[in-house]
Amino acid sequence: HEEPSGAGYPSGLRGPVIFYPAKIVGLADSFCALITKRPFREAYTIEQALGIIQHEVGKYDRELVKLLVGVFGQKAKAAA
């Protein structure tokens, strides 16, 4: 997926050139991949996944990350 830093694929697009829906899909895909069990690792908890995403500065749109944390951070707290 394209990344705001320009390090993504397939075209290495940067920031505002990336369509907003593509930013949403890229973040959602990464989040889902983290919270889903894989053959090589167990699923991360929602809290762990949000932490990983927050630490990958420049990979995702900051405002979208804030929204994701706002929505799923509250759900994770409610489930605990």
N, C-alpha and C. Protein backbone atom coordinates (compact mmCIF):
# COMPACT_ATOMS: atom_id res chain seq x y z
N HIS A 1 0.83 -1.19 0.00
CA HIS A 1 0.00 0.00 0.00
C HIS A 1 0.87 1.25 0.00
N GLU A 2 0.33 2.30 -0.57
CA GLU A 2 1.04 3.58 -0.57
C GLU A 2 1.11 4.12 0.86
N GLU A 3 2.18 4.84 1.17
CA GLU A 3 2.38 5.41 2.50
C GLU A 3 2.65 6.91 2.38
N PRO A 4 2.19 7.70 3.36
CA PRO A 4 2.43 9.15 3.30
C PRO A 4 3.90 9.51 3.14
N SER A 5 4.80 8.66 3.62
CA SER A 5 6.24 8.93 3.54
C SER A 5 6.79 8.70 2.14
N GLY A 6 6.02 8.03 1.28
CA GLY A 6 6.49 7.69 -0.06
C GLY A 6 7.16 6.33 -0.14
N ALA A 7 7.23 5.63 0.99
CA ALA A 7 7.91 4.33 1.03
C ALA A 7 7.02 3.16 0.61
N GLY A 8 5.78 3.42 0.23
CA GLY A 8 4.85 2.35 -0.08
C GLY A 8 4.94 1.85 -1.51
N TYR A 9 3.98 1.05 -1.88
CA TYR A 9 3.91 0.46 -3.22
C TYR A 9 2.48 0.57 -3.73
N PRO A 10 2.19 0.51 -4.97
CA PRO A 10 3.07 0.14 -6.08
C PRO A 10 3.82 1.33 -6.69
N SER A 11 3.40 2.57 -6.41
CA SER A 11 3.96 3.72 -7.13
C SER A 11 4.84 4.64 -6.28
N GLY A 12 4.94 4.39 -4.99
CA GLY A 12 5.74 5.27 -4.13
C GLY A 12 5.17 6.67 -4.01
N LEU A 13 3.84 6.77 -4.04
CA LEU A 13 3.18 8.08 -3.92
C LEU A 13 3.41 8.65 -2.53
N ARG A 14 3.34 9.99 -2.42
CA ARG A 14 3.54 10.67 -1.14
C ARG A 14 2.29 11.44 -0.73
N GLY A 15 2.08 11.54 0.57
CA GLY A 15 1.07 12.35 1.21
C GLY A 15 -0.20 12.66 0.47
N PRO A 16 -0.40 13.93 0.08
CA PRO A 16 -1.69 14.36 -0.47
C PRO A 16 -2.03 13.76 -1.83
N VAL A 17 -1.08 13.17 -2.49
CA VAL A 17 -1.35 12.55 -3.80
C VAL A 17 -2.11 11.23 -3.63
N ILE A 18 -2.01 10.63 -2.45
CA ILE A 18 -2.68 9.36 -2.19
C ILE A 18 -4.15 9.64 -1.92
N PHE A 19 -5.03 8.94 -2.63
CA PHE A 19 -6.46 9.11 -2.43
C PHE A 19 -6.84 8.73 -1.00
N TYR A 20 -7.73 9.52 -0.41
CA TYR A 20 -8.13 9.29 0.98
C TYR A 20 -8.67 7.88 1.21
N PRO A 21 -9.55 7.37 0.32
CA PRO A 21 -10.02 5.99 0.52
C PRO A 21 -8.89 4.97 0.52
N ALA A 22 -7.84 5.20 -0.24
CA ALA A 22 -6.70 4.29 -0.25
C ALA A 22 -5.97 4.33 1.10
N LYS A 23 -5.92 5.49 1.72
CA LYS A 23 -5.30 5.60 3.05
C LYS A 23 -6.11 4.80 4.08
N ILE A 24 -7.43 4.90 3.97
CA ILE A 24 -8.30 4.17 4.88
C ILE A 24 -8.12 2.67 4.71
N VAL A 25 -8.12 2.21 3.47
CA VAL A 25 -7.97 0.78 3.19
C VAL A 25 -6.62 0.26 3.68
N GLY A 26 -5.56 1.01 3.46
CA GLY A 26 -4.23 0.59 3.90
C GLY A 26 -4.15 0.43 5.41
N LEU A 27 -4.71 1.38 6.14
CA LEU A 27 -4.71 1.32 7.59
C LEU A 27 -5.58 0.17 8.08
N ALA A 28 -6.77 0.03 7.51
CA ALA A 28 -7.67 -1.05 7.90
C ALA A 28 -7.06 -2.42 7.62
N ASP A 29 -6.41 -2.57 6.49
CA ASP A 29 -5.77 -3.83 6.13
C ASP A 29 -4.68 -4.18 7.14
N SER A 30 -3.87 -3.22 7.50
CA SER A 30 -2.79 -3.47 8.47
C SER A 30 -3.36 -3.81 9.84
N PHE A 31 -4.38 -3.08 10.27
CA PHE A 31 -4.99 -3.34 11.57
C PHE A 31 -5.59 -4.74 11.61
N CYS A 32 -6.33 -5.10 10.57
CA CYS A 32 -6.93 -6.44 10.51
C CYS A 32 -5.86 -7.53 10.50
N ALA A 33 -4.78 -7.30 9.77
CA ALA A 33 -3.69 -8.28 9.73
C ALA A 33 -3.08 -8.48 11.11
N LEU A 34 -2.97 -7.41 11.88
CA LEU A 34 -2.37 -7.51 13.21
C LEU A 34 -3.27 -8.25 14.20
N ILE A 35 -4.58 -8.05 14.12
CA ILE A 35 -5.48 -8.67 15.10
C ILE A 35 -5.98 -10.05 14.66
N THR A 36 -5.47 -10.54 13.55
CA THR A 36 -5.85 -11.85 13.03
C THR A 36 -4.70 -12.83 13.23
N LYS A 37 -5.03 -14.04 13.69
CA LYS A 37 -4.02 -15.09 13.86
C LYS A 37 -3.44 -15.44 12.50
N ARG A 38 -2.13 -15.62 12.47
CA ARG A 38 -1.41 -15.99 11.25
C ARG A 38 -0.72 -17.33 11.50
N PRO A 39 -0.34 -18.04 10.44
CA PRO A 39 0.35 -19.32 10.64
C PRO A 39 1.66 -19.18 11.43
N PHE A 40 2.26 -18.01 11.39
CA PHE A 40 3.56 -17.80 12.01
C PHE A 40 3.50 -17.06 13.34
N ARG A 41 2.28 -16.62 13.77
CA ARG A 41 2.15 -15.92 15.06
C ARG A 41 0.69 -15.87 15.48
N GLU A 42 0.49 -15.67 16.76
CA GLU A 42 -0.85 -15.47 17.30
C GLU A 42 -1.33 -14.06 16.96
N ALA A 43 -2.61 -13.85 17.09
CA ALA A 43 -3.17 -12.51 16.85
C ALA A 43 -2.73 -11.57 17.98
N TYR A 44 -2.48 -10.32 17.63
CA TYR A 44 -2.22 -9.31 18.64
C TYR A 44 -3.56 -8.87 19.23
N THR A 45 -3.54 -8.39 20.47
CA THR A 45 -4.74 -7.81 21.04
C THR A 45 -4.98 -6.46 20.35
N ILE A 46 -6.16 -5.92 20.54
CA ILE A 46 -6.46 -4.61 19.96
C ILE A 46 -5.49 -3.57 20.49
N GLU A 47 -5.22 -3.62 21.80
CA GLU A 47 -4.29 -2.65 22.40
C GLU A 47 -2.90 -2.77 21.79
N GLN A 48 -2.42 -4.00 21.62
CA GLN A 48 -1.10 -4.21 21.02
C GLN A 48 -1.06 -3.70 19.59
N ALA A 49 -2.10 -4.02 18.82
CA ALA A 49 -2.16 -3.60 17.42
C ALA A 49 -2.16 -2.08 17.31
N LEU A 50 -2.94 -1.41 18.14
CA LEU A 50 -2.97 0.05 18.12
C LEU A 50 -1.61 0.63 18.47
N GLY A 51 -0.93 0.02 19.43
CA GLY A 51 0.41 0.47 19.81
C GLY A 51 1.40 0.33 18.67
N ILE A 52 1.34 -0.79 17.97
CA ILE A 52 2.24 -1.02 16.83
C ILE A 52 1.99 0.03 15.76
N ILE A 53 0.73 0.25 15.44
CA ILE A 53 0.38 1.22 14.40
C ILE A 53 0.82 2.63 14.80
N GLN A 54 0.62 3.00 16.06
CA GLN A 54 1.02 4.33 16.51
C GLN A 54 2.53 4.53 16.45
N HIS A 55 3.29 3.47 16.59
CA HIS A 55 4.75 3.58 16.56
C HIS A 55 5.32 3.57 15.14
N GLU A 56 4.51 3.24 14.17
CA GLU A 56 4.98 3.23 12.77
C GLU A 56 4.72 4.59 12.14
N VAL A 57 5.38 5.59 12.68
CA VAL A 57 5.21 6.97 12.26
C VAL A 57 5.53 7.12 10.77
N GLY A 58 4.66 7.82 10.05
CA GLY A 58 4.87 8.06 8.62
C GLY A 58 4.29 7.00 7.71
N LYS A 59 3.93 5.86 8.29
CA LYS A 59 3.38 4.79 7.46
C LYS A 59 1.89 5.01 7.18
N TYR A 60 1.21 5.66 8.12
CA TYR A 60 -0.23 5.88 8.01
C TYR A 60 -0.56 7.35 8.20
N ASP A 61 -1.72 7.76 7.71
CA ASP A 61 -2.21 9.11 7.90
C ASP A 61 -2.47 9.33 9.39
N ARG A 62 -1.89 10.36 9.96
CA ARG A 62 -1.99 10.60 11.41
C ARG A 62 -3.42 10.79 11.89
N GLU A 63 -4.22 11.51 11.11
CA GLU A 63 -5.61 11.74 11.51
C GLU A 63 -6.41 10.44 11.50
N LEU A 64 -6.14 9.58 10.53
CA LEU A 64 -6.82 8.29 10.50
C LEU A 64 -6.41 7.42 11.68
N VAL A 65 -5.15 7.47 12.05
CA VAL A 65 -4.69 6.70 13.21
C VAL A 65 -5.39 7.20 14.47
N LYS A 66 -5.53 8.51 14.61
CA LYS A 66 -6.24 9.07 15.77
C LYS A 66 -7.68 8.56 15.81
N LEU A 67 -8.34 8.53 14.66
CA LEU A 67 -9.71 8.02 14.60
C LEU A 67 -9.78 6.55 14.97
N LEU A 68 -8.86 5.76 14.44
CA LEU A 68 -8.83 4.33 14.74
C LEU A 68 -8.63 4.09 16.23
N VAL A 69 -7.69 4.81 16.82
CA VAL A 69 -7.43 4.68 18.25
C VAL A 69 -8.65 5.13 19.05
N GLY A 70 -9.30 6.20 18.61
CA GLY A 70 -10.49 6.68 19.29
C GLY A 70 -11.61 5.66 19.30
N VAL A 71 -11.83 5.00 18.19
CA VAL A 71 -12.90 4.01 18.08
C VAL A 71 -12.53 2.71 18.80
N PHE A 72 -11.43 2.11 18.42
CA PHE A 72 -11.08 0.81 18.96
C PHE A 72 -10.46 0.89 20.34
N GLY A 73 -9.85 1.99 20.68
CA GLY A 73 -9.32 2.16 22.03
C GLY A 73 -10.44 2.14 23.06
N GLN A 74 -11.55 2.77 22.75
CA GLN A 74 -12.71 2.77 23.64
C GLN A 74 -13.32 1.38 23.74
N LYS A 75 -13.40 0.66 22.62
CA LYS A 75 -13.96 -0.69 22.63
C LYS A 75 -13.08 -1.63 23.44
N ALA A 76 -11.77 -1.47 23.32
CA ALA A 76 -10.85 -2.33 24.07
C ALA A 76 -11.00 -2.08 25.57
N LYS A 77 -11.16 -0.82 25.96
CA LYS A 77 -11.33 -0.49 27.38
C LYS A 77 -12.64 -1.05 27.91
N ALA A 78 -13.70 -0.97 27.10
CA ALA A 78 -15.01 -1.46 27.52
C ALA A 78 -15.02 -2.97 27.69
N ALA A 79 -14.24 -3.67 26.87
CA ALA A 79 -14.20 -5.13 26.93
C ALA A 79 -13.38 -5.63 28.11
N ALA A 80 -12.50 -4.79 28.63
CA ALA A 80 -11.60 -5.22 29.72
C ALA A 80 -12.30 -5.29 31.06
